């Protein structure tokens, strides 16, 4: 049952982001995007993930495993949904199983800026 809910949550996030883009204050359960500081904030526990440190799939996994023991199952699902919506990792960090690197600051600025200019392209342009 939890796996089905996680898949539905991830699918909703992808659809929502395609329609509306990323924006300051966007929420995934207890996680919120601070687009000005480029951090993902756990609103109850005040954990912060510096999104500018995520330049590869290994860096993303490092954050996931650092936090997994401290989060409830739902908080973990919400975190995975947020990271999926923000980075689209299968497209930009590990396409076809190959580890890829990005310039996270430029990548995030492009992803957030697309909402304001209506551009819905999905791939990162280094």
PDB file of N, CA and C in Angstrom:
ATOM      1  N   UNK A   1       0.819  -1.199   0.000  1.00  0.00           N
ATOM      2  CA  UNK A   1       0.000   0.000   0.000  1.00  0.00           C
ATOM      3  C   UNK A   1       0.866   1.267   0.000  1.00  0.00           C
ATOM      4  N   UNK A   2       1.925   1.275   0.820  1.00  0.00           N
ATOM      5  CA  UNK A   2       2.804   2.452   0.895  1.00  0.00           C
ATOM      6  C   UNK A   2       3.508   2.689  -0.437  1.00  0.00           C
ATOM      7  N   UNK A   3       3.912   1.591  -1.106  1.00  0.00           N
ATOM      8  CA  UNK A   3       4.578   1.734  -2.400  1.00  0.00           C
ATOM      9  C   UNK A   3       3.636   2.346  -3.435  1.00  0.00           C
ATOM     10  N   UNK A   4       2.363   1.921  -3.425  1.00  0.00           N
ATOM     11  CA  UNK A   4       1.389   2.470  -4.364  1.00  0.00           C
ATOM     12  C   UNK A   4       1.190   3.960  -4.118  1.00  0.00           C
ATOM     13  N   UNK A   5       1.099   4.367  -2.834  1.00  0.00           N
ATOM     14  CA  UNK A   5       0.944   5.781  -2.504  1.00  0.00           C
ATOM     15  C   UNK A   5       2.177   6.579  -2.946  1.00  0.00           C
ATOM     16  N   UNK A   6       3.362   5.998  -2.760  1.00  0.00           N
ATOM     17  CA  UNK A   6       4.592   6.677  -3.167  1.00  0.00           C
ATOM     18  C   UNK A   6       4.616   6.902  -4.677  1.00  0.00           C
ATOM     19  N   UNK A   7       4.207   5.888  -5.440  1.00  0.00           N
ATOM     20  CA  UNK A   7       4.170   6.023  -6.905  1.00  0.00           C
ATOM     21  C   UNK A   7       3.150   7.082  -7.314  1.00  0.00           C
ATOM     22  N   UNK A   8       1.987   7.090  -6.674  1.00  0.00           N
ATOM     23  CA  UNK A   8       0.971   8.095  -6.981  1.00  0.00           C
ATOM     24  C   UNK A   8       1.490   9.494  -6.643  1.00  0.00           C
ATOM     25  N   UNK A   9       2.192   9.626  -5.508  1.00  0.00           N
ATOM     26  CA  UNK A   9       2.734  10.925  -5.108  1.00  0.00           C
ATOM     27  C   UNK A   9       3.765  11.400  -6.111  1.00  0.00           C
ATOM     28  N   UNK A  10       4.666  10.511  -6.550  1.00  0.00           N
ATOM     29  CA  UNK A  10       5.685  10.888  -7.535  1.00  0.00           C
ATOM     30  C   UNK A  10       5.033  11.279  -8.860  1.00  0.00           C
ATOM     31  N   UNK A  11       4.037  10.513  -9.291  1.00  0.00           N
ATOM     32  CA  UNK A  11       3.354  10.824 -10.550  1.00  0.00           C
ATOM     33  C   UNK A  11       2.641  12.168 -10.459  1.00  0.00           C
ATOM     34  N   UNK A  12       1.993  12.442  -9.316  1.00  0.00           N
ATOM     35  CA  UNK A  12       1.330  13.733  -9.140  1.00  0.00           C
ATOM     36  C   UNK A  12       2.350  14.859  -9.216  1.00  0.00           C
ATOM     37  N   UNK A  13       3.506  14.673  -8.581  1.00  0.00           N
ATOM     38  CA  UNK A  13       4.524  15.717  -8.570  1.00  0.00           C
ATOM     39  C   UNK A  13       5.022  16.049  -9.965  1.00  0.00           C
ATOM     40  N   UNK A  14       5.251  15.021 -10.775  1.00  0.00           N
ATOM     41  CA  UNK A  14       5.720  15.242 -12.146  1.00  0.00           C
ATOM     42  C   UNK A  14       4.675  16.016 -12.932  1.00  0.00           C
ATOM     43  N   UNK A  15       3.415  15.601 -12.846  1.00  0.00           N
ATOM     44  CA  UNK A  15       2.336  16.271 -13.559  1.00  0.00           C
ATOM     45  C   UNK A  15       2.181  17.721 -13.076  1.00  0.00           C
ATOM     46  N   UNK A  16       2.210  17.924 -11.774  1.00  0.00           N
ATOM     47  CA  UNK A  16       2.050  19.262 -11.196  1.00  0.00           C
ATOM     48  C   UNK A  16       3.174  20.187 -11.661  1.00  0.00           C
ATOM     49  N   UNK A  17       4.407  19.692 -11.608  1.00  0.00           N
ATOM     50  CA  UNK A  17       5.550  20.516 -11.985  1.00  0.00           C
ATOM     51  C   UNK A  17       5.502  20.866 -13.471  1.00  0.00           C
ATOM     52  N   UNK A  18       5.086  19.926 -14.313  1.00  0.00           N
ATOM     53  CA  UNK A  18       5.000  20.221 -15.746  1.00  0.00           C
ATOM     54  C   UNK A  18       3.994  21.332 -16.004  1.00  0.00           C
ATOM     55  N   UNK A  19       2.909  21.340 -15.231  1.00  0.00           N
ATOM     56  CA  UNK A  19       1.889  22.367 -15.419  1.00  0.00           C
ATOM     57  C   UNK A  19       2.287  23.710 -14.841  1.00  0.00           C
ATOM     58  N   UNK A  20       2.876  23.691 -13.657  1.00  0.00           N
ATOM     59  CA  UNK A  20       3.064  24.936 -12.925  1.00  0.00           C
ATOM     60  C   UNK A  20       4.512  25.350 -12.703  1.00  0.00           C
ATOM     61  N   UNK A  21       5.471  24.494 -12.947  1.00  0.00           N
ATOM     62  CA  UNK A  21       6.866  24.839 -12.727  1.00  0.00           C
ATOM     63  C   UNK A  21       7.222  24.887 -11.249  1.00  0.00           C
ATOM     64  N   UNK A  22       8.482  25.176 -10.980  1.00  0.00           N
ATOM     65  CA  UNK A  22       8.950  25.306  -9.603  1.00  0.00           C
ATOM     66  C   UNK A  22       8.786  26.743  -9.150  1.00  0.00           C
ATOM     67  N   UNK A  23       8.460  26.918  -7.862  1.00  0.00           N
ATOM     68  CA  UNK A  23       8.289  28.273  -7.353  1.00  0.00           C
ATOM     69  C   UNK A  23       8.652  28.334  -5.878  1.00  0.00           C
ATOM     70  N   UNK A  24       9.010  29.509  -5.431  1.00  0.00           N
ATOM     71  CA  UNK A  24       9.358  29.733  -4.037  1.00  0.00           C
ATOM     72  C   UNK A  24       8.168  29.374  -3.152  1.00  0.00           C
ATOM     73  N   UNK A  25       8.436  28.584  -2.099  1.00  0.00           N
ATOM     74  CA  UNK A  25       7.370  28.180  -1.193  1.00  0.00           C
ATOM     75  C   UNK A  25       6.638  26.924  -1.606  1.00  0.00           C
ATOM     76  N   UNK A  26       6.996  26.330  -2.755  1.00  0.00           N
ATOM     77  CA  UNK A  26       6.341  25.101  -3.188  1.00  0.00           C
ATOM     78  C   UNK A  26       6.527  24.047  -2.104  1.00  0.00           C
ATOM     79  N   UNK A  27       5.472  23.243  -1.865  1.00  0.00           N
ATOM     80  CA  UNK A  27       5.495  22.275  -0.765  1.00  0.00           C
ATOM     81  C   UNK A  27       5.319  20.848  -1.263  1.00  0.00           C
ATOM     82  N   UNK A  28       5.982  19.956  -0.575  1.00  0.00           N
ATOM     83  CA  UNK A  28       5.825  18.517  -0.710  1.00  0.00           C
ATOM     84  C   UNK A  28       5.677  18.006   0.716  1.00  0.00           C
ATOM     85  N   UNK A  29       4.460  17.931   1.202  1.00  0.00           N
ATOM     86  CA  UNK A  29       4.247  17.543   2.598  1.00  0.00           C
ATOM     87  C   UNK A  29       4.934  18.525   3.528  1.00  0.00           C
ATOM     88  N   UNK A  30       5.868  18.029   4.333  1.00  0.00           N
ATOM     89  CA  UNK A  30       6.570  18.886   5.294  1.00  0.00           C
ATOM     90  C   UNK A  30       7.789  19.578   4.696  1.00  0.00           C
ATOM     91  N   UNK A  31       8.091  19.326   3.437  1.00  0.00           N
ATOM     92  CA  UNK A  31       9.247  19.936   2.772  1.00  0.00           C
ATOM     93  C   UNK A  31       8.806  21.128   1.935  1.00  0.00           C
ATOM     94  N   UNK A  32       9.572  22.210   1.992  1.00  0.00           N
ATOM     95  CA  UNK A  32       9.264  23.393   1.205  1.00  0.00           C
ATOM     96  C   UNK A  32      10.493  23.907   0.485  1.00  0.00           C
ATOM     97  N   UNK A  33      10.292  24.461  -0.697  1.00  0.00           N
ATOM     98  CA  UNK A  33      11.380  25.011  -1.500  1.00  0.00           C
ATOM     99  C   UNK A  33      11.576  26.485  -1.167  1.00  0.00           C
ATOM    100  N   UNK A  34      12.778  26.829  -0.736  1.00  0.00           N
ATOM    101  CA  UNK A  34      13.172  28.220  -0.590  1.00  0.00           C
ATOM    102  C   UNK A  34      13.989  28.540  -1.829  1.00  0.00           C
ATOM    103  N   UNK A  35      13.316  29.052  -2.849  1.00  0.00           N
ATOM    104  CA  UNK A  35      13.951  29.303  -4.141  1.00  0.00           C
ATOM    105  C   UNK A  35      14.950  30.453  -4.085  1.00  0.00           C
ATOM    106  N   UNK A  36      14.818  31.333  -3.115  1.00  0.00           N
ATOM    107  CA  UNK A  36      15.764  32.440  -2.981  1.00  0.00           C
ATOM    108  C   UNK A  36      17.124  31.965  -2.484  1.00  0.00           C
ATOM    109  N   UNK A  37      17.110  31.007  -1.551  1.00  0.00           N
ATOM    110  CA  UNK A  37      18.365  30.489  -1.000  1.00  0.00           C
ATOM    111  C   UNK A  37      18.765  29.154  -1.630  1.00  0.00           C
ATOM    112  N   UNK A  38      17.923  28.600  -2.502  1.00  0.00           N
ATOM    113  CA  UNK A  38      18.143  27.314  -3.155  1.00  0.00           C
ATOM    114  C   UNK A  38      18.362  26.207  -2.132  1.00  0.00           C
ATOM    115  N   UNK A  39      17.418  26.126  -1.183  1.00  0.00           N
ATOM    116  CA  UNK A  39      17.426  25.062  -0.180  1.00  0.00           C
ATOM    117  C   UNK A  39      16.039  24.443  -0.084  1.00  0.00           C
ATOM    118  N   UNK A  40      16.026  23.185   0.326  1.00  0.00           N
ATOM    119  CA  UNK A  40      14.799  22.466   0.622  1.00  0.00           C
ATOM    120  C   UNK A  40      14.723  22.381   2.141  1.00  0.00           C
ATOM    121  N   UNK A  41      13.630  22.867   2.715  1.00  0.00           N
ATOM    122  CA  UNK A  41      13.511  22.999   4.168  1.00  0.00           C
ATOM    123  C   UNK A  41      12.438  22.054   4.707  1.00  0.00           C
ATOM    124  N   UNK A  42      12.796  21.285   5.728  1.00  0.00           N
ATOM    125  CA  UNK A  42      11.810  20.488   6.476  1.00  0.00           C
ATOM    126  C   UNK A  42      11.159  21.468   7.439  1.00  0.00           C
ATOM    127  N   UNK A  43       9.894  21.743   7.252  1.00  0.00           N
ATOM    128  CA  UNK A  43       9.249  22.847   7.968  1.00  0.00           C
ATOM    129  C   UNK A  43       9.020  22.573   9.445  1.00  0.00           C
ATOM    130  N   UNK A  44       9.014  21.310   9.870  1.00  0.00           N
ATOM    131  CA  UNK A  44       8.810  20.999  11.289  1.00  0.00           C
ATOM    132  C   UNK A  44      10.129  20.821  12.037  1.00  0.00           C
ATOM    133  N   UNK A  45      11.054  20.087  11.445  1.00  0.00           N
ATOM    134  CA  UNK A  45      12.319  19.782  12.111  1.00  0.00           C
ATOM    135  C   UNK A  45      13.424  20.768  11.762  1.00  0.00           C
ATOM    136  N   UNK A  46      13.151  21.634  10.820  1.00  0.00           N
ATOM    137  CA  UNK A  46      14.084  22.679  10.378  1.00  0.00           C
ATOM    138  C   UNK A  46      15.370  22.141   9.750  1.00  0.00           C
ATOM    139  N   UNK A  47      15.306  20.916   9.201  1.00  0.00           N
ATOM    140  CA  UNK A  47      16.429  20.416   8.413  1.00  0.00           C
ATOM    141  C   UNK A  47      16.463  21.227   7.126  1.00  0.00           C
ATOM    142  N   UNK A  48      17.654  21.475   6.634  1.00  0.00           N
ATOM    143  CA  UNK A  48      17.798  22.139   5.341  1.00  0.00           C
ATOM    144  C   UNK A  48      18.731  21.328   4.458  1.00  0.00           C
ATOM    145  N   UNK A  49      18.319  21.171   3.217  1.00  0.00           N
ATOM    146  CA  UNK A  49      19.165  20.536   2.211  1.00  0.00           C
ATOM    147  C   UNK A  49      19.615  21.636   1.262  1.00  0.00           C
ATOM    148  N   UNK A  50      20.913  21.850   1.222  1.00  0.00           N
ATOM    149  CA  UNK A  50      21.475  22.845   0.315  1.00  0.00           C
ATOM    150  C   UNK A  50      21.467  22.239  -1.087  1.00  0.00           C
ATOM    151  N   UNK A  51      20.511  22.650  -1.895  1.00  0.00           N
ATOM    152  CA  UNK A  51      20.339  22.068  -3.221  1.00  0.00           C
ATOM    153  C   UNK A  51      21.534  22.344  -4.135  1.00  0.00           C
ATOM    154  N   UNK A  52      22.301  23.358  -3.818  1.00  0.00           N
ATOM    155  CA  UNK A  52      23.477  23.671  -4.634  1.00  0.00           C
ATOM    156  C   UNK A  52      24.612  22.671  -4.428  1.00  0.00           C
ATOM    157  N   UNK A  53      24.469  21.768  -3.446  1.00  0.00           N
ATOM    158  CA  UNK A  53      25.479  20.717  -3.244  1.00  0.00           C
ATOM    159  C   UNK A  53      25.164  19.469  -4.049  1.00  0.00           C
ATOM    160  N   UNK A  54      23.991  19.417  -4.663  1.00  0.00           N
ATOM    161  CA  UNK A  54      23.588  18.219  -5.411  1.00  0.00           C
ATOM    162  C   UNK A  54      23.972  18.402  -6.873  1.00  0.00           C
ATOM    163  N   UNK A  55      25.143  17.867  -7.199  1.00  0.00           N
ATOM    164  CA  UNK A  55      25.653  17.990  -8.565  1.00  0.00           C
ATOM    165  C   UNK A  55      25.736  16.645  -9.280  1.00  0.00           C
ATOM    166  N   UNK A  56      25.287  15.569  -8.595  1.00  0.00           N
ATOM    167  CA  UNK A  56      25.342  14.223  -9.175  1.00  0.00           C
ATOM    168  C   UNK A  56      24.340  13.335  -8.442  1.00  0.00           C
ATOM    169  N   UNK A  57      24.124  12.150  -9.006  1.00  0.00           N
ATOM    170  CA  UNK A  57      23.224  11.214  -8.333  1.00  0.00           C
ATOM    171  C   UNK A  57      23.815  10.764  -7.001  1.00  0.00           C
ATOM    172  N   UNK A  58      25.144  10.659  -6.912  1.00  0.00           N
ATOM    173  CA  UNK A  58      25.786  10.272  -5.652  1.00  0.00           C
ATOM    174  C   UNK A  58      25.550  11.327  -4.581  1.00  0.00           C
ATOM    175  N   UNK A  59      25.615  12.593  -4.939  1.00  0.00           N
ATOM    176  CA  UNK A  59      25.372  13.669  -3.969  1.00  0.00           C
ATOM    177  C   UNK A  59      23.925  13.637  -3.483  1.00  0.00           C
ATOM    178  N   UNK A  60      22.987  13.330  -4.399  1.00  0.00           N
ATOM    179  CA  UNK A  60      21.588  13.230  -4.006  1.00  0.00           C
ATOM    180  C   UNK A  60      21.388  12.043  -3.066  1.00  0.00           C
ATOM    181  N   UNK A  61      21.973  10.898  -3.399  1.00  0.00           N
ATOM    182  CA  UNK A  61      21.854   9.720  -2.540  1.00  0.00           C
ATOM    183  C   UNK A  61      22.465   9.962  -1.161  1.00  0.00           C
ATOM    184  N   UNK A  62      23.544  10.725  -1.114  1.00  0.00           N
ATOM    185  CA  UNK A  62      24.160  11.044   0.167  1.00  0.00           C
ATOM    186  C   UNK A  62      23.160  11.753   1.086  1.00  0.00           C
ATOM    187  N   UNK A  63      22.438  12.741   0.549  1.00  0.00           N
ATOM    188  CA  UNK A  63      21.411  13.437   1.341  1.00  0.00           C
ATOM    189  C   UNK A  63      20.301  12.480   1.775  1.00  0.00           C
ATOM    190  N   UNK A  64      19.847  11.650   0.851  1.00  0.00           N
ATOM    191  CA  UNK A  64      18.764  10.714   1.155  1.00  0.00           C
ATOM    192  C   UNK A  64      19.158   9.806   2.307  1.00  0.00           C
ATOM    193  N   UNK A  65      20.355   9.226   2.242  1.00  0.00           N
ATOM    194  CA  UNK A  65      20.763   8.283   3.281  1.00  0.00           C
ATOM    195  C   UNK A  65      21.168   8.969   4.577  1.00  0.00           C
ATOM    196  N   UNK A  66      21.612  10.216   4.509  1.00  0.00           N
ATOM    197  CA  UNK A  66      21.889  10.954   5.744  1.00  0.00           C
ATOM    198  C   UNK A  66      20.607  11.185   6.539  1.00  0.00           C
ATOM    199  N   UNK A  67      19.509  11.434   5.830  1.00  0.00           N
ATOM    200  CA  UNK A  67      18.261  11.797   6.500  1.00  0.00           C
ATOM    201  C   UNK A  67      17.314  10.627   6.760  1.00  0.00           C
ATOM    202  N   UNK A  68      17.484   9.502   6.069  1.00  0.00           N
ATOM    203  CA  UNK A  68      16.490   8.431   6.127  1.00  0.00           C
ATOM    204  C   UNK A  68      16.219   7.925   7.536  1.00  0.00           C
ATOM    205  N   UNK A  69      17.196   7.866   8.409  1.00  0.00           N
ATOM    206  CA  UNK A  69      16.964   7.363   9.771  1.00  0.00           C
ATOM    207  C   UNK A  69      16.213   8.369  10.635  1.00  0.00           C
ATOM    208  N   UNK A  70      16.200   9.627  10.219  1.00  0.00           N
ATOM    209  CA  UNK A  70      15.569  10.687  11.006  1.00  0.00           C
ATOM    210  C   UNK A  70      14.157  11.017  10.551  1.00  0.00           C
ATOM    211  N   UNK A  71      13.722  10.439   9.436  1.00  0.00           N
ATOM    212  CA  UNK A  71      12.436  10.805   8.847  1.00  0.00           C
ATOM    213  C   UNK A  71      11.427   9.678   8.973  1.00  0.00           C
ATOM    214  N   UNK A  72      10.162  10.065   9.059  1.00  0.00           N
ATOM    215  CA  UNK A  72       9.085   9.073   9.013  1.00  0.00           C
ATOM    216  C   UNK A  72       8.960   8.583   7.570  1.00  0.00           C
ATOM    217  N   UNK A  73       8.280   7.454   7.354  1.00  0.00           N
ATOM    218  CA  UNK A  73       8.091   6.987   5.972  1.00  0.00           C
ATOM    219  C   UNK A  73       7.436   8.053   5.077  1.00  0.00           C
ATOM    220  N   UNK A  74       6.430   8.768   5.589  1.00  0.00           N
ATOM    221  CA  UNK A  74       5.771   9.790   4.764  1.00  0.00           C
ATOM    222  C   UNK A  74       6.709  10.958   4.469  1.00  0.00           C
ATOM    223  N   UNK A  75       7.512  11.355   5.443  1.00  0.00           N
ATOM    224  CA  UNK A  75       8.477  12.441   5.214  1.00  0.00           C
ATOM    225  C   UNK A  75       9.491  12.028   4.158  1.00  0.00           C
ATOM    226  N   UNK A  76       9.848  10.740   4.142  1.00  0.00           N
ATOM    227  CA  UNK A  76      10.789  10.241   3.139  1.00  0.00           C
ATOM    228  C   UNK A  76      10.153  10.253   1.755  1.00  0.00           C
ATOM    229  N   UNK A  77       8.893   9.839   1.668  1.00  0.00           N
ATOM    230  CA  UNK A  77       8.171   9.892   0.384  1.00  0.00           C
ATOM    231  C   UNK A  77       8.112  11.337  -0.105  1.00  0.00           C
ATOM    232  N   UNK A  78       7.809  12.257   0.793  1.00  0.00           N
ATOM    233  CA  UNK A  78       7.735  13.675   0.422  1.00  0.00           C
ATOM    234  C   UNK A  78       9.093  14.195  -0.043  1.00  0.00           C
ATOM    235  N   UNK A  79      10.166  13.780   0.634  1.00  0.00           N
ATOM    236  CA  UNK A  79      11.513  14.199   0.222  1.00  0.00           C
ATOM    237  C   UNK A  79      11.836  13.677  -1.169  1.00  0.00           C
ATOM    238  N   UNK A  80      11.554  12.396  -1.416  1.00  0.00           N
ATOM    239  CA  UNK A  80      11.821  11.824  -2.742  1.00  0.00           C
ATOM    240  C   UNK A  80      10.998  12.521  -3.822  1.00  0.00           C
ATOM    241  N   UNK A  81       9.755  12.860  -3.499  1.00  0.00           N
ATOM    242  CA  UNK A  81       8.918  13.597  -4.461  1.00  0.00           C
ATOM    243  C   UNK A  81       9.515  14.962  -4.770  1.00  0.00           C
ATOM    244  N   UNK A  82       9.980  15.646  -3.729  1.00  0.00           N
ATOM    245  CA  UNK A  82      10.579  16.972  -3.924  1.00  0.00           C
ATOM    246  C   UNK A  82      11.834  16.875  -4.787  1.00  0.00           C
ATOM    247  N   UNK A  83      12.724  15.959  -4.454  1.00  0.00           N
ATOM    248  CA  UNK A  83      13.966  15.816  -5.222  1.00  0.00           C
ATOM    249  C   UNK A  83      13.671  15.416  -6.663  1.00  0.00           C
ATOM    250  N   UNK A  84      12.669  14.563  -6.864  1.00  0.00           N
ATOM    251  CA  UNK A  84      12.278  14.172  -8.212  1.00  0.00           C
ATOM    252  C   UNK A  84      11.745  15.369  -9.008  1.00  0.00           C
ATOM    253  N   UNK A  85      10.881  16.148  -8.394  1.00  0.00           N
ATOM    254  CA  UNK A  85      10.314  17.316  -9.074  1.00  0.00           C
ATOM    255  C   UNK A  85      11.381  18.365  -9.376  1.00  0.00           C
ATOM    256  N   UNK A  86      12.268  18.581  -8.435  1.00  0.00           N
ATOM    257  CA  UNK A  86      13.270  19.635  -8.579  1.00  0.00           C
ATOM    258  C   UNK A  86      14.340  19.259  -9.599  1.00  0.00           C
ATOM    259  N   UNK A  87      14.871  18.039  -9.481  1.00  0.00           N
ATOM    260  CA  UNK A  87      16.026  17.663 -10.305  1.00  0.00           C
ATOM    261  C   UNK A  87      15.700  16.781 -11.499  1.00  0.00           C
ATOM    262  N   UNK A  88      14.530  16.112 -11.500  1.00  0.00           N
ATOM    263  CA  UNK A  88      14.243  15.120 -12.537  1.00  0.00           C
ATOM    264  C   UNK A  88      15.477  14.238 -12.730  1.00  0.00           C
ATOM    265  N   UNK A  89      15.874  13.516 -11.673  1.00  0.00           N
ATOM    266  CA  UNK A  89      17.163  12.823 -11.682  1.00  0.00           C
ATOM    267  C   UNK A  89      17.358  11.802 -12.790  1.00  0.00           C
ATOM    268  N   UNK A  90      16.325  11.069 -13.185  1.00  0.00           N
ATOM    269  CA  UNK A  90      16.522  10.090 -14.255  1.00  0.00           C
ATOM    270  C   UNK A  90      16.854  10.769 -15.578  1.00  0.00           C
ATOM    271  N   UNK A  91      16.454  11.987 -15.721  1.00  0.00           N
ATOM    272  CA  UNK A  91      16.741  12.747 -16.942  1.00  0.00           C
ATOM    273  C   UNK A  91      18.063  13.501 -16.846  1.00  0.00           C
ATOM    274  N   UNK A  92      18.382  14.013 -15.658  1.00  0.00           N
ATOM    275  CA  UNK A  92      19.500  14.950 -15.534  1.00  0.00           C
ATOM    276  C   UNK A  92      20.694  14.463 -14.715  1.00  0.00           C
ATOM    277  N   UNK A  93      20.510  13.412 -13.906  1.00  0.00           N
ATOM    278  CA  UNK A  93      21.609  12.964 -13.041  1.00  0.00           C
ATOM    279  C   UNK A  93      22.045  11.523 -13.276  1.00  0.00           C
ATOM    280  N   UNK A  94      21.154  10.675 -13.775  1.00  0.00           N
ATOM    281  CA  UNK A  94      21.530   9.254 -13.939  1.00  0.00           C
ATOM    282  C   UNK A  94      20.808   8.611 -15.115  1.00  0.00           C
ATOM    283  N   UNK A  95      20.709   9.302 -16.208  1.00  0.00           N
ATOM    284  CA  UNK A  95      20.015   8.781 -17.379  1.00  0.00           C
ATOM    285  C   UNK A  95      20.683   7.494 -17.870  1.00  0.00           C
ATOM    286  N   UNK A  96      19.866   6.461 -18.045  1.00  0.00           N
ATOM    287  CA  UNK A  96      20.385   5.194 -18.539  1.00  0.00           C
ATOM    288  C   UNK A  96      21.367   4.535 -17.593  1.00  0.00           C
ATOM    289  N   UNK A  97      21.344   4.910 -16.328  1.00  0.00           N
ATOM    290  CA  UNK A  97      22.255   4.329 -15.344  1.00  0.00           C
ATOM    291  C   UNK A  97      23.626   4.971 -15.309  1.00  0.00           C
ATOM    292  N   UNK A  98      23.865   5.942 -16.166  1.00  0.00           N
ATOM    293  CA  UNK A  98      25.159   6.629 -16.195  1.00  0.00           C
ATOM    294  C   UNK A  98      25.122   7.835 -15.256  1.00  0.00           C
ATOM    295  N   UNK A  99      26.124   7.941 -14.395  1.00  0.00           N
ATOM    296  CA  UNK A  99      26.210   9.081 -13.488  1.00  0.00           C
ATOM    297  C   UNK A  99      26.545  10.326 -14.302  1.00  0.00           C
ATOM    298  N   UNK A 100      25.741  11.356 -14.133  1.00  0.00           N
ATOM    299  CA  UNK A 100      25.958  12.610 -14.854  1.00  0.00           C
ATOM    300  C   UNK A 100      26.163  13.716 -13.829  1.00  0.00           C
ATOM    301  N   UNK A 101      26.855  14.771 -14.225  1.00  0.00           N
ATOM    302  CA  UNK A 101      27.091  15.910 -13.345  1.00  0.00           C
ATOM    303  C   UNK A 101      26.420  17.149 -13.935  1.00  0.00           C
ATOM    304  N   UNK A 102      25.950  18.006 -13.023  1.00  0.00           N
ATOM    305  CA  UNK A 102      25.350  19.266 -13.417  1.00  0.00           C
ATOM    306  C   UNK A 102      25.999  20.384 -12.619  1.00  0.00           C
ATOM    307  N   UNK A 103      25.835  21.599 -13.107  1.00  0.00           N
ATOM    308  CA  UNK A 103      26.159  22.783 -12.308  1.00  0.00           C
ATOM    309  C   UNK A 103      24.859  23.088 -11.571  1.00  0.00           C
ATOM    310  N   UNK A 104      24.767  22.732 -10.274  1.00  0.00           N
ATOM    311  CA  UNK A 104      23.473  22.818  -9.598  1.00  0.00           C
ATOM    312  C   UNK A 104      22.904  24.229  -9.510  1.00  0.00           C
ATOM    313  N   UNK A 105      23.751  25.222  -9.321  1.00  0.00           N
ATOM    314  CA  UNK A 105      23.242  26.598  -9.208  1.00  0.00           C
ATOM    315  C   UNK A 105      22.585  27.025 -10.517  1.00  0.00           C
ATOM    316  N   UNK A 106      23.286  26.821 -11.612  1.00  0.00           N
ATOM    317  CA  UNK A 106      22.739  27.200 -12.924  1.00  0.00           C
ATOM    318  C   UNK A 106      21.494  26.375 -13.252  1.00  0.00           C
ATOM    319  N   UNK A 107      21.564  25.071 -12.972  1.00  0.00           N
ATOM    320  CA  UNK A 107      20.434  24.182 -13.226  1.00  0.00           C
ATOM    321  C   UNK A 107      19.189  24.652 -12.475  1.00  0.00           C
ATOM    322  N   UNK A 108      19.335  24.924 -11.175  1.00  0.00           N
ATOM    323  CA  UNK A 108      18.198  25.347 -10.354  1.00  0.00           C
ATOM    324  C   UNK A 108      17.659  26.700 -10.797  1.00  0.00           C
ATOM    325  N   UNK A 109      18.539  27.619 -11.129  1.00  0.00           N
ATOM    326  CA  UNK A 109      18.085  28.932 -11.595  1.00  0.00           C
ATOM    327  C   UNK A 109      17.291  28.802 -12.885  1.00  0.00           C
ATOM    328  N   UNK A 110      17.730  27.934 -13.786  1.00  0.00           N
ATOM    329  CA  UNK A 110      16.987  27.714 -15.032  1.00  0.00           C
ATOM    330  C   UNK A 110      15.626  27.086 -14.752  1.00  0.00           C
ATOM    331  N   UNK A 111      15.585  26.100 -13.860  1.00  0.00           N
ATOM    332  CA  UNK A 111      14.332  25.407 -13.559  1.00  0.00           C
ATOM    333  C   UNK A 111      13.313  26.350 -12.924  1.00  0.00           C
ATOM    334  N   UNK A 112      13.772  27.232 -12.063  1.00  0.00           N
ATOM    335  CA  UNK A 112      12.863  28.165 -11.392  1.00  0.00           C
ATOM    336  C   UNK A 112      12.467  29.288 -12.348  1.00  0.00           C
ATOM    337  N   UNK A 113      13.388  29.747 -13.177  1.00  0.00           N
ATOM    338  CA  UNK A 113      13.112  30.845 -14.109  1.00  0.00           C
ATOM    339  C   UNK A 113      12.107  30.445 -15.177  1.00  0.00           C
ATOM    340  N   UNK A 114      12.062  29.155 -15.538  1.00  0.00           N
ATOM    341  CA  UNK A 114      11.140  28.709 -16.586  1.00  0.00           C
ATOM    342  C   UNK A 114       9.699  29.020 -16.242  1.00  0.00           C
ATOM    343  N   UNK A 115       9.368  28.985 -14.984  1.00  0.00           N
ATOM    344  CA  UNK A 115       7.982  29.257 -14.579  1.00  0.00           C
ATOM    345  C   UNK A 115       7.597  30.689 -14.942  1.00  0.00           C
ATOM    346  N   UNK A 116       8.519  31.613 -14.746  1.00  0.00           N
ATOM    347  CA  UNK A 116       8.175  33.008 -14.990  1.00  0.00           C
ATOM    348  C   UNK A 116       8.089  33.343 -16.477  1.00  0.00           C
ATOM    349  N   UNK A 117       8.829  32.597 -17.335  1.00  0.00           N
ATOM    350  CA  UNK A 117       8.747  32.924 -18.758  1.00  0.00           C
ATOM    351  C   UNK A 117       7.903  31.937 -19.551  1.00  0.00           C
ATOM    352  N   UNK A 118       7.279  30.942 -18.847  1.00  0.00           N
ATOM    353  CA  UNK A 118       6.360  30.021 -19.508  1.00  0.00           C
ATOM    354  C   UNK A 118       7.023  28.915 -20.299  1.00  0.00           C
ATOM    355  N   UNK A 119       8.349  28.804 -20.243  1.00  0.00           N
ATOM    356  CA  UNK A 119       9.063  27.767 -20.979  1.00  0.00           C
ATOM    357  C   UNK A 119       8.926  26.443 -20.247  1.00  0.00           C
ATOM    358  N   UNK A 120       8.437  25.422 -20.911  1.00  0.00           N
ATOM    359  CA  UNK A 120       8.210  24.132 -20.273  1.00  0.00           C
ATOM    360  C   UNK A 120       9.241  23.078 -20.676  1.00  0.00           C
ATOM    361  N   UNK A 121      10.353  23.473 -21.283  1.00  0.00           N
ATOM    362  CA  UNK A 121      11.379  22.483 -21.622  1.00  0.00           C
ATOM    363  C   UNK A 121      11.866  21.800 -20.357  1.00  0.00           C
ATOM    364  N   UNK A 122      12.241  20.530 -20.475  1.00  0.00           N
ATOM    365  CA  UNK A 122      12.594  19.796 -19.278  1.00  0.00           C
ATOM    366  C   UNK A 122      14.080  19.562 -19.110  1.00  0.00           C
ATOM    367  N   UNK A 123      14.874  19.539 -20.163  1.00  0.00           N
ATOM    368  CA  UNK A 123      16.259  19.176 -19.968  1.00  0.00           C
ATOM    369  C   UNK A 123      17.117  20.369 -19.554  1.00  0.00           C
ATOM    370  N   UNK A 124      18.138  20.015 -18.836  1.00  0.00           N
ATOM    371  CA  UNK A 124      19.115  20.994 -18.348  1.00  0.00           C
ATOM    372  C   UNK A 124      20.014  21.408 -19.493  1.00  0.00           C
ATOM    373  N   UNK A 125      20.307  22.687 -19.551  1.00  0.00           N
ATOM    374  CA  UNK A 125      21.203  23.197 -20.586  1.00  0.00           C
ATOM    375  C   UNK A 125      22.441  23.753 -19.915  1.00  0.00           C
ATOM    376  N   UNK A 126      23.545  22.988 -19.911  1.00  0.00           N
ATOM    377  CA  UNK A 126      24.763  23.446 -19.213  1.00  0.00           C
ATOM    378  C   UNK A 126      25.368  24.686 -19.807  1.00  0.00           C
TER     379      UNK A 126
END
